[in-house]
Amino acid sequence: MLRRQFQSGVTLVELMVTVSVLAIILTVGVPSLSRFLNTTEVNSTLQQFRDGLAYARSEAVSRQRNLRVCPLNQRSGGCRSDSNWGEGMVVYEDLNGNGGLDAADQRLKTIDYSGGAAVNNTHRRHLEFDRLGRSQGSNGTFTFSANGIQRQLFLSTSGRTRL
């Protein structure tokens, strides 16, 4: 009795069709994934920034003292001298009243952004919340951006934020 032996596998044509379909799916899906990742990066940084401001405001009210927030300089661990808020922020109490963060001041919190988006403000090199939770100075607009995705956060003089 003769037995037939069957071999299993795929033909070259089947393999080429599968690779073609996979290439089409990746061509459509990768740009969408890239946009999703950039949006997530911006939203993550924005939320960390907003949480930092909420922390500073609530601490100023609970301590009944003015608290300052400045952009983090990751190299020195202190405040940056410009208005680039992209590396993080430092919340501190300016005990000696000199307007800057130094050894005499009480550092309350350092927030290092994990999101990686750029955070810019044209004129605010620091923020200050008074004992009533109000933001001193003028209203502020902070722009969060990463690879073409952009969102803005507005800080009012009442200390509230909105998107």
Protein backbone atom coordinates (compact mmCIF):
# COMPACT_ATOMS: atom_id res chain seq x y z
CA MET A 1 0.00 0.00 0.00
CA LEU A 2 1.30 3.36 -0.98
CA ARG A 3 0.88 6.23 1.41
CA ARG A 4 0.88 9.78 0.34
CA GLN A 5 3.08 12.11 2.26
CA PHE A 6 1.84 15.64 2.64
CA GLN A 7 4.20 18.48 3.20
CA SER A 8 3.03 21.59 4.99
CA GLY A 9 4.36 25.06 4.37
CA VAL A 10 3.69 28.25 2.47
CA THR A 11 4.38 29.04 -1.11
CA LEU A 12 6.38 32.00 -2.27
CA VAL A 13 3.20 33.69 -3.54
CA GLU A 14 1.47 33.35 -0.16
CA LEU A 15 4.53 34.76 1.59
CA MET A 16 4.69 37.76 -0.78
CA VAL A 17 0.98 38.51 -0.28
CA THR A 18 1.42 38.39 3.51
CA VAL A 19 4.45 40.70 3.42
CA SER A 20 2.60 43.14 1.12
CA VAL A 21 -0.43 43.29 3.42
CA LEU A 22 1.84 43.81 6.46
CA ALA A 23 3.69 46.64 4.67
CA ILE A 24 0.40 48.40 3.88
CA ILE A 25 -0.81 48.10 7.47
CA LEU A 26 2.48 49.48 8.84
CA THR A 27 2.47 52.36 6.35
CA VAL A 28 -0.93 53.43 7.61
CA GLY A 29 -0.34 52.69 11.30
CA VAL A 30 3.14 54.10 12.05
CA PRO A 31 2.32 57.81 11.45
CA SER A 32 -0.75 57.47 13.67
CA LEU A 33 1.37 55.87 16.39
CA SER A 34 3.96 58.63 16.12
CA ARG A 35 1.28 61.32 16.51
CA PHE A 36 -0.21 59.43 19.46
CA LEU A 37 3.20 59.25 21.19
CA ASN A 38 3.85 62.98 20.64
CA THR A 39 0.39 63.85 21.99
CA THR A 40 1.02 61.67 25.03
CA GLU A 41 4.38 63.38 25.58
CA VAL A 42 2.79 66.84 25.53
CA ASN A 43 -0.14 65.82 27.75
CA SER A 44 2.15 64.15 30.30
CA THR A 45 4.39 67.21 30.62
CA LEU A 46 1.37 69.52 30.78
CA GLN A 47 -0.20 67.48 33.58
CA GLN A 48 3.04 67.40 35.60
CA PHE A 49 3.34 71.17 35.19
CA ARG A 50 -0.26 71.73 36.21
CA ASP A 51 0.14 69.44 39.25
CA GLY A 52 3.25 71.38 40.29
CA LEU A 53 1.38 74.67 40.15
CA ALA A 54 -1.53 73.20 42.12
CA TYR A 55 0.92 71.95 44.75
CA ALA A 56 2.60 75.37 45.05
CA ARG A 57 -0.74 77.15 45.31
CA SER A 58 -2.16 74.81 47.96
CA GLU A 59 1.07 74.93 50.00
CA ALA A 60 1.04 78.75 49.90
CA VAL A 61 -2.51 78.74 51.27
CA SER A 62 -1.85 76.10 53.95
CA ARG A 63 1.40 77.69 55.11
CA GLN A 64 -0.04 81.23 54.85
CA ARG A 65 3.17 82.37 53.12
CA ASN A 66 4.26 83.41 49.65
CA LEU A 67 5.86 80.59 47.67
CA ARG A 68 7.86 80.86 44.47
CA VAL A 69 8.09 78.51 41.49
CA CYS A 70 10.97 78.67 39.04
CA PRO A 71 12.08 76.63 36.02
CA LEU A 72 14.48 73.84 36.97
CA ASN A 73 18.07 73.87 35.77
CA GLN A 74 18.93 70.16 35.77
CA ARG A 75 22.69 70.77 35.70
CA SER A 76 22.80 72.89 38.84
CA GLY A 77 19.58 71.72 40.51
CA GLY A 78 18.60 75.35 40.98
CA CYS A 79 16.60 77.84 38.95
CA ARG A 80 17.16 78.75 35.32
CA SER A 81 17.76 82.38 34.45
CA ASP A 82 15.49 82.27 31.39
CA SER A 83 11.83 81.41 30.76
CA ASN A 84 12.38 77.87 29.47
CA TRP A 85 10.33 75.62 31.75
CA GLY A 86 11.04 72.40 29.80
CA GLU A 87 13.30 70.65 32.33
CA GLY A 88 11.02 70.88 35.35
CA MET A 89 10.23 73.24 38.20
CA VAL A 90 11.30 74.02 41.75
CA VAL A 91 8.82 75.10 44.42
CA TYR A 92 10.45 77.00 47.27
CA GLU A 93 9.95 79.59 49.97
CA ASP A 94 12.18 82.63 49.51
CA LEU A 95 13.09 83.09 53.18
CA ASN A 96 15.68 85.83 52.67
CA GLY A 97 13.55 87.73 50.14
CA ASN A 98 16.25 88.11 47.49
CA GLY A 99 14.03 86.73 44.70
CA GLY A 100 16.26 83.76 43.87
CA LEU A 101 16.76 80.22 45.10
CA ASP A 102 19.80 79.87 47.34
CA ALA A 103 20.98 77.92 50.38
CA ALA A 104 19.02 80.15 52.79
CA ASP A 105 15.67 79.26 51.15
CA GLN A 106 13.46 76.28 51.89
CA ARG A 107 13.07 74.00 48.87
CA LEU A 108 9.70 72.26 49.09
CA LYS A 109 9.55 70.24 45.89
CA THR A 110 11.53 69.61 42.72
CA ILE A 111 9.58 68.30 39.75
CA ASP A 112 11.49 66.78 36.85
CA TYR A 113 9.27 66.32 33.80
CA SER A 114 9.31 62.81 32.39
CA GLY A 115 7.21 63.77 29.37
CA GLY A 116 10.00 65.45 27.44
CA ALA A 117 7.94 68.15 25.70
CA ALA A 118 9.24 71.71 25.40
CA VAL A 119 7.59 74.20 27.77
CA ASN A 120 7.95 77.88 26.99
CA ASN A 121 6.67 81.15 28.32
CA THR A 122 7.69 84.43 26.77
CA HIS A 123 8.11 86.50 29.93
CA ARG A 124 7.71 84.57 33.21
CA ARG A 125 11.04 83.49 34.73
CA HIS A 126 9.34 82.64 37.99
CA LEU A 127 5.89 82.46 39.51
CA GLU A 128 4.79 83.46 42.97
CA PHE A 129 1.67 82.42 44.86
CA ASP A 130 0.58 84.51 47.83
CA ARG A 131 -1.04 83.24 51.03
CA LEU A 132 -4.49 83.48 49.37
CA GLY A 133 -3.39 81.32 46.43
CA ARG A 134 -3.24 84.17 43.94
CA SER A 135 -0.54 84.35 41.31
CA GLN A 136 1.48 87.54 41.59
CA GLY A 137 2.11 89.53 38.42
CA SER A 138 0.26 89.21 35.15
CA ASN A 139 -1.59 86.31 33.58
CA GLY A 140 0.70 83.70 32.05
CA THR A 141 0.50 81.51 28.96
CA PHE A 142 2.65 78.39 28.81
CA THR A 143 3.09 76.55 25.53
CA PHE A 144 3.79 72.80 25.52
CA SER A 145 5.06 71.33 22.25
CA ALA A 146 6.61 68.18 20.77
CA ASN A 147 7.09 67.49 17.05
CA GLY A 148 4.19 69.59 15.78
CA ILE A 149 1.77 68.85 18.65
CA GLN A 150 1.07 71.95 20.71
CA ARG A 151 -1.14 72.82 23.70
CA GLN A 152 -1.37 75.86 25.93
CA LEU A 153 -2.00 76.33 29.63
CA PHE A 154 -3.22 79.66 30.97
CA LEU A 155 -2.49 80.84 34.52
CA SER A 156 -4.71 83.64 35.80
CA THR A 157 -3.85 86.12 38.53
CA SER A 158 -6.34 84.30 40.76
CA GLY A 159 -3.94 81.31 40.62
CA ARG A 160 -6.23 79.08 38.58
CA THR A 161 -5.14 77.22 35.48
CA ARG A 162 -7.13 76.37 32.38
CA LEU A 163 -6.37 74.72 29.06
